[in-house]
């Protein structure tokens, strides 16, 4: 059996530990709230940019394919212009 002093010391220790845990919990709760707000802002920005936040890899792949198609089309048109200029220069 514990003595009254040991019981008081144990209670004081438990109170200190409880306060530390409560403080840490509140701190983590605040951090969690801030991260949720940040995530909500990012999701809103993604939506405003015209993308579906739940399908970002698919949206990225689609955008990349569109870009590659545009590059290919530009390259073909540029080659045609270069060929026409070359033909023009050779007739001089």
N, C-alpha and C. Protein backbone atom coordinates (compact mmCIF):
# COMPACT_ATOMS: atom_id res chain seq x y z
N UNK A 1 0.83 -1.19 0.00
CA UNK A 1 0.00 0.00 0.00
C UNK A 1 0.87 1.25 0.00
N UNK A 2 0.37 2.26 -0.67
CA UNK A 2 1.12 3.51 -0.76
C UNK A 2 0.81 4.40 0.44
N UNK A 3 1.79 5.20 0.74
CA UNK A 3 1.60 6.17 1.82
C UNK A 3 0.85 7.38 1.26
N UNK A 4 0.27 8.20 2.13
CA UNK A 4 -0.42 9.40 1.64
C UNK A 4 0.49 10.32 0.81
N UNK A 5 1.76 10.41 1.17
CA UNK A 5 2.69 11.24 0.41
C UNK A 5 2.93 10.66 -0.98
N UNK A 6 3.03 9.33 -1.06
CA UNK A 6 3.22 8.67 -2.35
C UNK A 6 1.99 8.86 -3.25
N UNK A 7 0.82 8.80 -2.63
CA UNK A 7 -0.42 9.01 -3.38
C UNK A 7 -0.47 10.45 -3.90
N UNK A 8 -0.13 11.43 -3.04
CA UNK A 8 -0.10 12.82 -3.47
C UNK A 8 0.90 13.02 -4.61
N UNK A 9 2.07 12.42 -4.48
CA UNK A 9 3.09 12.54 -5.52
C UNK A 9 2.60 11.92 -6.83
N UNK A 10 1.95 10.78 -6.74
CA UNK A 10 1.42 10.10 -7.92
C UNK A 10 0.35 10.96 -8.59
N UNK A 11 -0.54 11.53 -7.77
CA UNK A 11 -1.59 12.40 -8.31
C UNK A 11 -0.98 13.62 -9.00
N UNK A 12 0.02 14.23 -8.36
CA UNK A 12 0.69 15.39 -8.95
C UNK A 12 1.34 15.01 -10.28
N UNK A 13 1.98 13.85 -10.32
CA UNK A 13 2.61 13.37 -11.56
C UNK A 13 1.56 13.15 -12.64
N UNK A 14 0.46 12.51 -12.27
CA UNK A 14 -0.61 12.26 -13.25
C UNK A 14 -1.21 13.56 -13.77
N UNK A 15 -1.39 14.55 -12.88
CA UNK A 15 -1.93 15.84 -13.31
C UNK A 15 -0.97 16.53 -14.29
N UNK A 16 0.31 16.48 -13.99
CA UNK A 16 1.31 17.09 -14.87
C UNK A 16 1.30 16.41 -16.23
N UNK A 17 1.28 15.10 -16.23
CA UNK A 17 1.25 14.35 -17.49
C UNK A 17 -0.03 14.64 -18.28
N UNK A 18 -1.16 14.72 -17.55
CA UNK A 18 -2.44 15.01 -18.19
C UNK A 18 -2.42 16.39 -18.85
N UNK A 19 -1.88 17.39 -18.13
CA UNK A 19 -1.79 18.74 -18.68
C UNK A 19 -0.91 18.76 -19.93
N UNK A 20 0.19 18.02 -19.91
CA UNK A 20 1.09 17.96 -21.06
C UNK A 20 0.38 17.33 -22.26
N UNK A 21 -0.35 16.26 -22.01
CA UNK A 21 -1.08 15.58 -23.09
C UNK A 21 -2.19 16.48 -23.63
N UNK A 22 -2.89 17.16 -22.75
CA UNK A 22 -3.98 18.05 -23.16
C UNK A 22 -3.44 19.21 -24.00
N UNK A 23 -2.33 19.78 -23.56
CA UNK A 23 -1.70 20.86 -24.31
C UNK A 23 -1.26 20.39 -25.69
N UNK A 24 -0.63 19.23 -25.73
CA UNK A 24 -0.16 18.66 -27.02
C UNK A 24 -1.34 18.36 -27.93
N UNK A 25 -2.41 17.84 -27.35
CA UNK A 25 -3.61 17.53 -28.13
C UNK A 25 -4.21 18.80 -28.74
N UNK A 26 -4.26 19.85 -27.96
CA UNK A 26 -4.79 21.12 -28.46
C UNK A 26 -3.91 21.67 -29.58
N UNK A 27 -2.61 21.55 -29.39
CA UNK A 27 -1.68 22.01 -30.41
C UNK A 27 -1.86 21.23 -31.71
N UNK A 28 -1.96 19.93 -31.60
CA UNK A 28 -2.16 19.09 -32.79
C UNK A 28 -3.51 19.36 -33.43
N UNK A 29 -4.52 19.62 -32.62
CA UNK A 29 -5.84 19.97 -33.15
C UNK A 29 -5.78 21.25 -33.97
N UNK A 30 -5.04 22.23 -33.49
CA UNK A 30 -4.87 23.48 -34.22
C UNK A 30 -4.12 23.27 -35.52
N UNK A 31 -3.08 22.45 -35.48
CA UNK A 31 -2.33 22.14 -36.70
C UNK A 31 -3.21 21.42 -37.71
N UNK A 32 -4.00 20.48 -37.22
CA UNK A 32 -4.90 19.74 -38.10
C UNK A 32 -5.90 20.67 -38.75
N UNK A 33 -6.46 21.57 -37.98
CA UNK A 33 -7.42 22.53 -38.52
C UNK A 33 -6.77 23.39 -39.61
N UNK A 34 -5.55 23.86 -39.36
CA UNK A 34 -4.84 24.69 -40.34
C UNK A 34 -4.57 23.90 -41.62
N UNK A 35 -4.18 22.64 -41.49
CA UNK A 35 -3.91 21.81 -42.66
C UNK A 35 -5.18 21.53 -43.45
N UNK A 36 -6.29 21.34 -42.76
CA UNK A 36 -7.57 21.13 -43.45
C UNK A 36 -7.96 22.36 -44.25
N UNK A 37 -7.77 23.54 -43.66
CA UNK A 37 -8.07 24.78 -44.37
C UNK A 37 -7.16 24.94 -45.59
N UNK A 38 -5.89 24.61 -45.41
CA UNK A 38 -4.93 24.70 -46.52
C UNK A 38 -5.33 23.75 -47.65
N UNK A 39 -5.70 22.54 -47.30
CA UNK A 39 -6.13 21.56 -48.29
C UNK A 39 -7.39 22.02 -49.01
N UNK A 40 -8.33 22.59 -48.28
CA UNK A 40 -9.56 23.09 -48.90
C UNK A 40 -9.24 24.21 -49.89
N UNK A 41 -8.29 25.06 -49.55
CA UNK A 41 -7.88 26.14 -50.45
C UNK A 41 -7.25 25.59 -51.71
N UNK A 42 -6.39 24.59 -51.56
CA UNK A 42 -5.74 23.97 -52.71
C UNK A 42 -6.76 23.30 -53.61
N UNK A 43 -7.70 22.59 -53.01
CA UNK A 43 -8.75 21.92 -53.79
C UNK A 43 -9.56 22.95 -54.57
N UNK A 44 -9.88 24.07 -53.94
CA UNK A 44 -10.63 25.13 -54.61
C UNK A 44 -9.83 25.69 -55.78
N UNK A 45 -8.53 25.91 -55.59
CA UNK A 45 -7.69 26.43 -56.66
C UNK A 45 -7.62 25.45 -57.83
N UNK A 46 -7.54 24.16 -57.52
CA UNK A 46 -7.50 23.14 -58.57
C UNK A 46 -8.81 23.15 -59.35
N UNK A 47 -9.91 23.26 -58.65
CA UNK A 47 -11.22 23.32 -59.32
C UNK A 47 -11.35 24.57 -60.18
N UNK A 48 -10.89 25.70 -59.66
CA UNK A 48 -10.95 26.94 -60.42
C UNK A 48 -10.09 26.88 -61.67
N UNK A 49 -9.03 26.07 -61.63
CA UNK A 49 -8.17 25.90 -62.79
C UNK A 49 -8.80 24.95 -63.82
N UNK A 50 -9.95 24.37 -63.47
CA UNK A 50 -10.66 23.51 -64.40
C UNK A 50 -10.31 22.04 -64.31
N UNK A 51 -9.74 21.63 -63.19
CA UNK A 51 -9.36 20.23 -63.02
C UNK A 51 -10.18 19.58 -61.92
N UNK A 52 -10.26 18.26 -62.01
CA UNK A 52 -10.95 17.47 -60.99
C UNK A 52 -9.92 17.02 -59.96
N UNK A 53 -10.01 17.51 -58.71
CA UNK A 53 -9.02 17.16 -57.70
C UNK A 53 -8.93 15.67 -57.41
N UNK A 54 -10.00 14.95 -57.67
CA UNK A 54 -9.99 13.50 -57.38
C UNK A 54 -9.31 12.71 -58.50
N UNK A 55 -9.01 13.38 -59.63
CA UNK A 55 -8.42 12.67 -60.75
C UNK A 55 -7.23 13.46 -61.31
N UNK A 56 -6.38 13.97 -60.44
CA UNK A 56 -5.25 14.77 -60.89
C UNK A 56 -4.28 14.00 -61.79
N UNK A 57 -3.95 12.74 -61.48
CA UNK A 57 -3.05 12.02 -62.40
C UNK A 57 -3.65 11.90 -63.81
N UNK A 58 -4.94 11.62 -63.89
CA UNK A 58 -5.60 11.53 -65.19
C UNK A 58 -5.63 12.87 -65.89
N UNK A 59 -5.89 13.93 -65.12
CA UNK A 59 -5.91 15.28 -65.68
C UNK A 59 -4.52 15.66 -66.18
N UNK A 60 -3.49 15.29 -65.41
CA UNK A 60 -2.11 15.58 -65.82
C UNK A 60 -1.77 14.86 -67.11
N UNK A 61 -2.13 13.58 -67.19
CA UNK A 61 -1.85 12.80 -68.40
C UNK A 61 -2.57 13.38 -69.60
N UNK A 62 -3.81 13.80 -69.41
CA UNK A 62 -4.60 14.39 -70.48
C UNK A 62 -3.95 15.70 -70.96
N UNK A 63 -3.56 16.54 -70.02
CA UNK A 63 -2.93 17.82 -70.37
C UNK A 63 -1.59 17.59 -71.07
N UNK A 64 -0.84 16.60 -70.61
CA UNK A 64 0.44 16.30 -71.24
C UNK A 64 0.24 15.81 -72.67
N UNK A 65 -0.76 14.97 -72.88
CA UNK A 65 -1.04 14.46 -74.22
C UNK A 65 -1.46 15.60 -75.14
N UNK A 66 -2.30 16.50 -74.65
CA UNK A 66 -2.71 17.67 -75.44
C UNK A 66 -1.50 18.52 -75.81
N UNK A 67 -0.60 18.72 -74.86
CA UNK A 67 0.61 19.50 -75.12
C UNK A 67 1.48 18.82 -76.18
N UNK A 68 1.66 17.51 -76.05
CA UNK A 68 2.47 16.79 -77.02
C UNK A 68 1.84 16.83 -78.41
N UNK A 69 0.51 16.75 -78.48
CA UNK A 69 -0.18 16.85 -79.77
C UNK A 69 0.03 18.24 -80.39
N UNK A 70 -0.07 19.27 -79.56
CA UNK A 70 0.15 20.63 -80.06
C UNK A 70 1.59 20.83 -80.53
N UNK A 71 2.53 20.27 -79.81
CA UNK A 71 3.94 20.37 -80.21
C UNK A 71 4.15 19.68 -81.56
N UNK A 72 3.57 18.50 -81.71
CA UNK A 72 3.69 17.75 -82.96
C UNK A 72 3.08 18.54 -84.12
N UNK A 73 1.90 19.10 -83.90
CA UNK A 73 1.23 19.89 -84.94
C UNK A 73 2.07 21.11 -85.31
N UNK A 74 2.62 21.80 -84.31
CA UNK A 74 3.46 22.97 -84.56
C UNK A 74 4.70 22.57 -85.34
N UNK A 75 5.31 21.46 -84.96
CA UNK A 75 6.52 21.00 -85.64
C UNK A 75 6.24 20.69 -87.11
N UNK A 76 5.09 20.06 -87.38
CA UNK A 76 4.73 19.75 -88.76
C UNK A 76 4.51 21.03 -89.57
N UNK A 77 3.81 21.99 -89.01
CA UNK A 77 3.58 23.25 -89.71
C UNK A 77 4.88 24.00 -89.91
N UNK A 78 5.75 23.97 -88.92
CA UNK A 78 7.04 24.64 -89.03
C UNK A 78 7.88 23.99 -90.13
N UNK A 79 7.85 22.67 -90.20
CA UNK A 79 8.60 21.96 -91.24
C UNK A 79 8.07 22.32 -92.62
N UNK A 80 6.75 22.46 -92.73
CA UNK A 80 6.15 22.83 -94.02
C UNK A 80 6.58 24.23 -94.42
N UNK A 81 6.62 25.15 -93.47
CA UNK A 81 7.06 26.52 -93.76
C UNK A 81 8.53 26.52 -94.14
N UNK A 82 9.34 25.77 -93.40
CA UNK A 82 10.77 25.70 -93.72
C UNK A 82 10.98 25.13 -95.12
N UNK A 83 10.21 24.12 -95.47
CA UNK A 83 10.31 23.52 -96.79
C UNK A 83 9.91 24.52 -97.87
N UNK A 84 8.84 25.27 -97.63
CA UNK A 84 8.40 26.28 -98.59
C UNK A 84 9.44 27.37 -98.75
N UNK A 85 10.04 27.80 -97.66
CA UNK A 85 11.08 28.83 -97.73
C UNK A 85 12.31 28.30 -98.46
N UNK A 86 12.64 27.07 -98.22
CA UNK A 86 13.78 26.45 -98.91
C UNK A 86 13.53 26.37 -100.41
N UNK A 87 12.31 25.99 -100.79
CA UNK A 87 11.94 25.91 -102.20
C UNK A 87 11.98 27.31 -102.80
N UNK A 88 11.50 28.30 -102.10
CA UNK A 88 11.52 29.67 -102.59
C UNK A 88 12.96 30.15 -102.81
N UNK A 89 13.82 29.86 -101.80
CA UNK A 89 15.21 30.28 -101.90
C UNK A 89 15.94 29.58 -103.06
N UNK A 90 15.60 28.36 -103.35
CA UNK A 90 16.28 27.61 -104.40
C UNK A 90 15.86 28.09 -105.79
N UNK A 91 14.74 28.77 -105.93
CA UNK A 91 14.27 29.28 -107.23
C UNK A 91 14.89 30.63 -107.58
N UNK A 92 15.56 31.23 -106.64
CA UNK A 92 16.18 32.54 -106.90
C UNK A 92 17.34 32.42 -107.81
